[in-house]
C-alpha atoms as a PDB file:
ATOM      1  CA  UNK A   1     133.881 220.131  92.417  1.00  0.00           C
ATOM      2  CA  UNK A   2     130.378 218.712  92.139  1.00  0.00           C
ATOM      3  CA  UNK A   3     131.452 215.423  93.693  1.00  0.00           C
ATOM      4  CA  UNK A   4     133.091 217.273  96.598  1.00  0.00           C
ATOM      5  CA  UNK A   5     129.952 219.364  97.085  1.00  0.00           C
ATOM      6  CA  UNK A   6     127.709 216.282  97.011  1.00  0.00           C
ATOM      7  CA  UNK A   7     129.889 214.546  99.601  1.00  0.00           C
ATOM      8  CA  UNK A   8     129.854 217.661 101.797  1.00  0.00           C
ATOM      9  CA  UNK A   9     126.053 218.053 101.646  1.00  0.00           C
ATOM     10  CA  UNK A  10     125.245 214.342 101.974  1.00  0.00           C
ATOM     11  CA  UNK A  11     127.245 214.236 105.213  1.00  0.00           C
ATOM     12  CA  UNK A  12     125.112 217.041 106.726  1.00  0.00           C
ATOM     13  CA  UNK A  13     121.586 216.468 105.468  1.00  0.00           C
ATOM     14  CA  UNK A  14     119.179 213.540 104.999  1.00  0.00           C
ATOM     15  CA  UNK A  15     118.589 212.309 101.451  1.00  0.00           C
ATOM     16  CA  UNK A  16     115.210 214.001 101.079  1.00  0.00           C
ATOM     17  CA  UNK A  17     116.650 217.383 102.046  1.00  0.00           C
ATOM     18  CA  UNK A  18     119.299 217.695  99.316  1.00  0.00           C
ATOM     19  CA  UNK A  19     117.904 219.441  96.245  1.00  0.00           C
ATOM     20  CA  UNK A  20     120.859 218.970  93.928  1.00  0.00           C
ATOM     21  CA  UNK A  21     121.247 219.582  90.216  1.00  0.00           C
ATOM     22  CA  UNK A  22     123.223 216.812  88.565  1.00  0.00           C
ATOM     23  CA  UNK A  23     126.048 217.474  86.123  1.00  0.00           C
ATOM     24  CA  UNK A  24     123.808 216.992  83.083  1.00  0.00           C
ATOM     25  CA  UNK A  25     121.366 219.611  84.402  1.00  0.00           C
ATOM     26  CA  UNK A  26     124.223 222.073  84.855  1.00  0.00           C
ATOM     27  CA  UNK A  27     124.873 221.976  81.101  1.00  0.00           C
ATOM     28  CA  UNK A  28     121.310 222.949  80.164  1.00  0.00           C
ATOM     29  CA  UNK A  29     120.792 226.039  78.012  1.00  0.00           C
ATOM     30  CA  UNK A  30     119.018 227.891  80.845  1.00  0.00           C
ATOM     31  CA  UNK A  31     121.866 227.336  83.328  1.00  0.00           C
ATOM     32  CA  UNK A  32     125.039 229.363  83.779  1.00  0.00           C
ATOM     33  CA  UNK A  33     127.705 227.421  85.673  1.00  0.00           C
ATOM     34  CA  UNK A  34     130.799 229.266  86.893  1.00  0.00           C
ATOM     35  CA  UNK A  35     134.083 227.872  88.192  1.00  0.00           C
ATOM     36  CA  UNK A  36     136.593 230.017  90.068  1.00  0.00           C
ATOM     37  CA  UNK A  37     140.229 229.016  89.959  1.00  0.00           C
ATOM     38  CA  UNK A  38     143.209 229.689  92.193  1.00  0.00           C
ATOM     39  CA  UNK A  39     146.593 229.020  90.602  1.00  0.00           C
ATOM     40  CA  UNK A  40     144.818 227.163  87.800  1.00  0.00           C
ATOM     41  CA  UNK A  41     142.968 224.796  90.147  1.00  0.00           C
ATOM     42  CA  UNK A  42     139.189 224.796  90.593  1.00  0.00           C
ATOM     43  CA  UNK A  43     138.458 226.401  93.958  1.00  0.00           C
ATOM     44  CA  UNK A  44     134.761 227.264  93.846  1.00  0.00           C
ATOM     45  CA  UNK A  45     131.636 227.054  91.745  1.00  0.00           C
ATOM     46  CA  UNK A  46     128.086 228.275  91.454  1.00  0.00           C
ATOM     47  CA  UNK A  47     125.161 228.064  89.059  1.00  0.00           C
ATOM     48  CA  UNK A  48     122.288 230.295  88.039  1.00  0.00           C
ATOM     49  CA  UNK A  49     119.077 228.717  86.744  1.00  0.00           C
ATOM     50  CA  UNK A  50     116.709 230.756  84.591  1.00  0.00           C
ATOM     51  CA  UNK A  51     113.619 228.515  84.759  1.00  0.00           C
ATOM     52  CA  UNK A  52     111.190 231.215  85.843  1.00  0.00           C
ATOM     53  CA  UNK A  53     110.308 234.531  84.225  1.00  0.00           C
ATOM     54  CA  UNK A  54     110.067 236.449  87.493  1.00  0.00           C
ATOM     55  CA  UNK A  55     113.228 235.221  89.278  1.00  0.00           C
ATOM     56  CA  UNK A  56     116.519 233.401  88.874  1.00  0.00           C
ATOM     57  CA  UNK A  57     117.730 230.690  91.235  1.00  0.00           C
ATOM     58  CA  UNK A  58     121.213 230.196  92.587  1.00  0.00           C
ATOM     59  CA  UNK A  59     122.303 226.565  92.895  1.00  0.00           C
ATOM     60  CA  UNK A  60     125.476 224.564  93.522  1.00  0.00           C
ATOM     61  CA  UNK A  61     127.441 227.270  95.347  1.00  0.00           C
ATOM     62  CA  UNK A  62     130.579 225.751  96.834  1.00  0.00           C
ATOM     63  CA  UNK A  63     134.093 226.810  97.768  1.00  0.00           C
ATOM     64  CA  UNK A  64     136.674 224.203  98.701  1.00  0.00           C
ATOM     65  CA  UNK A  65     137.613 224.452 102.401  1.00  0.00           C
ATOM     66  CA  UNK A  66     141.226 225.362 101.637  1.00  0.00           C
ATOM     67  CA  UNK A  67     140.070 228.261  99.426  1.00  0.00           C
ATOM     68  CA  UNK A  68     137.577 229.794 101.847  1.00  0.00           C
ATOM     69  CA  UNK A  69     138.049 233.320 103.187  1.00  0.00           C
ATOM     70  CA  UNK A  70     139.584 234.466  99.889  1.00  0.00           C
ATOM     71  CA  UNK A  71     136.428 236.183  98.612  1.00  0.00           C
ATOM     72  CA  UNK A  72     135.718 233.472  96.044  1.00  0.00           C
ATOM     73  CA  UNK A  73     132.138 232.843  97.153  1.00  0.00           C
ATOM     74  CA  UNK A  74     131.314 236.555  97.106  1.00  0.00           C
ATOM     75  CA  UNK A  75     132.857 236.951  93.648  1.00  0.00           C
ATOM     76  CA  UNK A  76     130.885 234.018  92.228  1.00  0.00           C
ATOM     77  CA  UNK A  77     127.694 235.320  93.813  1.00  0.00           C
ATOM     78  CA  UNK A  78     128.206 238.806  92.351  1.00  0.00           C
ATOM     79  CA  UNK A  79     128.811 237.383  88.892  1.00  0.00           C
ATOM     80  CA  UNK A  80     125.711 235.161  89.091  1.00  0.00           C
ATOM     81  CA  UNK A  81     123.643 238.179  90.135  1.00  0.00           C
ATOM     82  CA  UNK A  82     124.969 240.108  87.136  1.00  0.00           C
ATOM     83  CA  UNK A  83     123.989 237.256  84.827  1.00  0.00           C
ATOM     84  CA  UNK A  84     120.493 237.399  86.346  1.00  0.00           C
ATOM     85  CA  UNK A  85     120.318 241.161  85.737  1.00  0.00           C
ATOM     86  CA  UNK A  86     121.462 240.692  82.147  1.00  0.00           C
ATOM     87  CA  UNK A  87     118.639 238.155  81.725  1.00  0.00           C
ATOM     88  CA  UNK A  88     116.126 240.765  82.945  1.00  0.00           C
ATOM     89  CA  UNK A  89     115.481 239.094  86.295  1.00  0.00           C
ATOM     90  CA  UNK A  90     114.858 241.480  89.175  1.00  0.00           C
ATOM     91  CA  UNK A  91     114.870 238.843  91.917  1.00  0.00           C
ATOM     92  CA  UNK A  92     117.228 236.017  92.860  1.00  0.00           C
ATOM     93  CA  UNK A  93     116.237 233.158  95.145  1.00  0.00           C
ATOM     94  CA  UNK A  94     118.081 230.240  96.701  1.00  0.00           C
ATOM     95  CA  UNK A  95     117.796 227.339  99.095  1.00  0.00           C
ATOM     96  CA  UNK A  96     120.580 226.458 101.496  1.00  0.00           C
ATOM     97  CA  UNK A  97     120.850 224.518 104.728  1.00  0.00           C
ATOM     98  CA  UNK A  98     120.736 225.365 108.396  1.00  0.00           C
ATOM     99  CA  UNK A  99     124.074 223.608 108.992  1.00  0.00           C
ATOM    100  CA  UNK A 100     126.018 225.944 106.683  1.00  0.00           C
ATOM    101  CA  UNK A 101     126.767 229.095 108.693  1.00  0.00           C
ATOM    102  CA  UNK A 102     129.407 230.257 106.201  1.00  0.00           C
ATOM    103  CA  UNK A 103     126.920 230.151 103.331  1.00  0.00           C
ATOM    104  CA  UNK A 104     124.207 231.833 105.389  1.00  0.00           C
ATOM    105  CA  UNK A 105     126.649 234.580 106.368  1.00  0.00           C
ATOM    106  CA  UNK A 106     127.735 235.103 102.761  1.00  0.00           C
ATOM    107  CA  UNK A 107     124.167 235.425 101.541  1.00  0.00           C
ATOM    108  CA  UNK A 108     123.075 237.720 104.375  1.00  0.00           C
ATOM    109  CA  UNK A 109     126.089 239.995 103.878  1.00  0.00           C
ATOM    110  CA  UNK A 110     125.152 240.175 100.190  1.00  0.00           C
ATOM    111  CA  UNK A 111     121.616 241.336 101.047  1.00  0.00           C
ATOM    112  CA  UNK A 112     119.630 238.107 100.930  1.00  0.00           C
ATOM    113  CA  UNK A 113     116.703 237.789 103.342  1.00  0.00           C
ATOM    114  CA  UNK A 114     114.811 234.773 104.586  1.00  0.00           C
ATOM    115  CA  UNK A 115     111.529 233.819 102.967  1.00  0.00           C
ATOM    116  CA  UNK A 116     109.327 230.733 102.731  1.00  0.00           C
ATOM    117  CA  UNK A 117     109.659 227.862 100.268  1.00  0.00           C
ATOM    118  CA  UNK A 118     109.315 228.717  96.586  1.00  0.00           C
ATOM    119  CA  UNK A 119     108.931 226.830  93.325  1.00  0.00           C
ATOM    120  CA  UNK A 120     108.762 223.079  93.882  1.00  0.00           C
ATOM    121  CA  UNK A 121     110.509 223.128  97.274  1.00  0.00           C
ATOM    122  CA  UNK A 122     108.494 221.673 100.149  1.00  0.00           C
ATOM    123  CA  UNK A 123     108.755 223.095 103.650  1.00  0.00           C
ATOM    124  CA  UNK A 124     111.844 221.496 105.206  1.00  0.00           C
ATOM    125  CA  UNK A 125     113.168 222.050 108.744  1.00  0.00           C
ATOM    126  CA  UNK A 126     116.790 221.918 107.559  1.00  0.00           C
ATOM    127  CA  UNK A 127     116.312 224.295 104.617  1.00  0.00           C
ATOM    128  CA  UNK A 128     116.667 228.056 104.603  1.00  0.00           C
ATOM    129  CA  UNK A 129     114.990 229.832 101.689  1.00  0.00           C
ATOM    130  CA  UNK A 130     116.285 233.280 100.771  1.00  0.00           C
ATOM    131  CA  UNK A 131     115.861 235.979  98.150  1.00  0.00           C
ATOM    132  CA  UNK A 132     117.332 239.276  97.062  1.00  0.00           C
ATOM    133  CA  UNK A 133     115.825 241.941  94.828  1.00  0.00           C
ATOM    134  CA  UNK A 134     118.300 243.107  92.194  1.00  0.00           C
END
């Protein structure tokens, strides 16, 4: 899944505009990494990073093209938000790209709104920064 996501993002964005967590980072104690399966096969994934006391960050959201429109992305997002609530976070933030209309639509339907860069992210013309109060 991670390799497919990296290939997908690297085809759309310049090197300096991909803010990716590697596989080792996804196994850190402060990261929850979810995998959704369809008929036993990995179909989507997403991670929640609890690095900050005042918010959680969603990373590595991806649904394989053949599994899109099945509600997998929305289900992963809802579960990640619940993990954030359980960790006493009242705000979730994320960074995605301007060339991902499906992701932008998913996040906006779920109540995420645009905001400026946060954390260590620099301003980037191909990035969209979003947040949602929980």
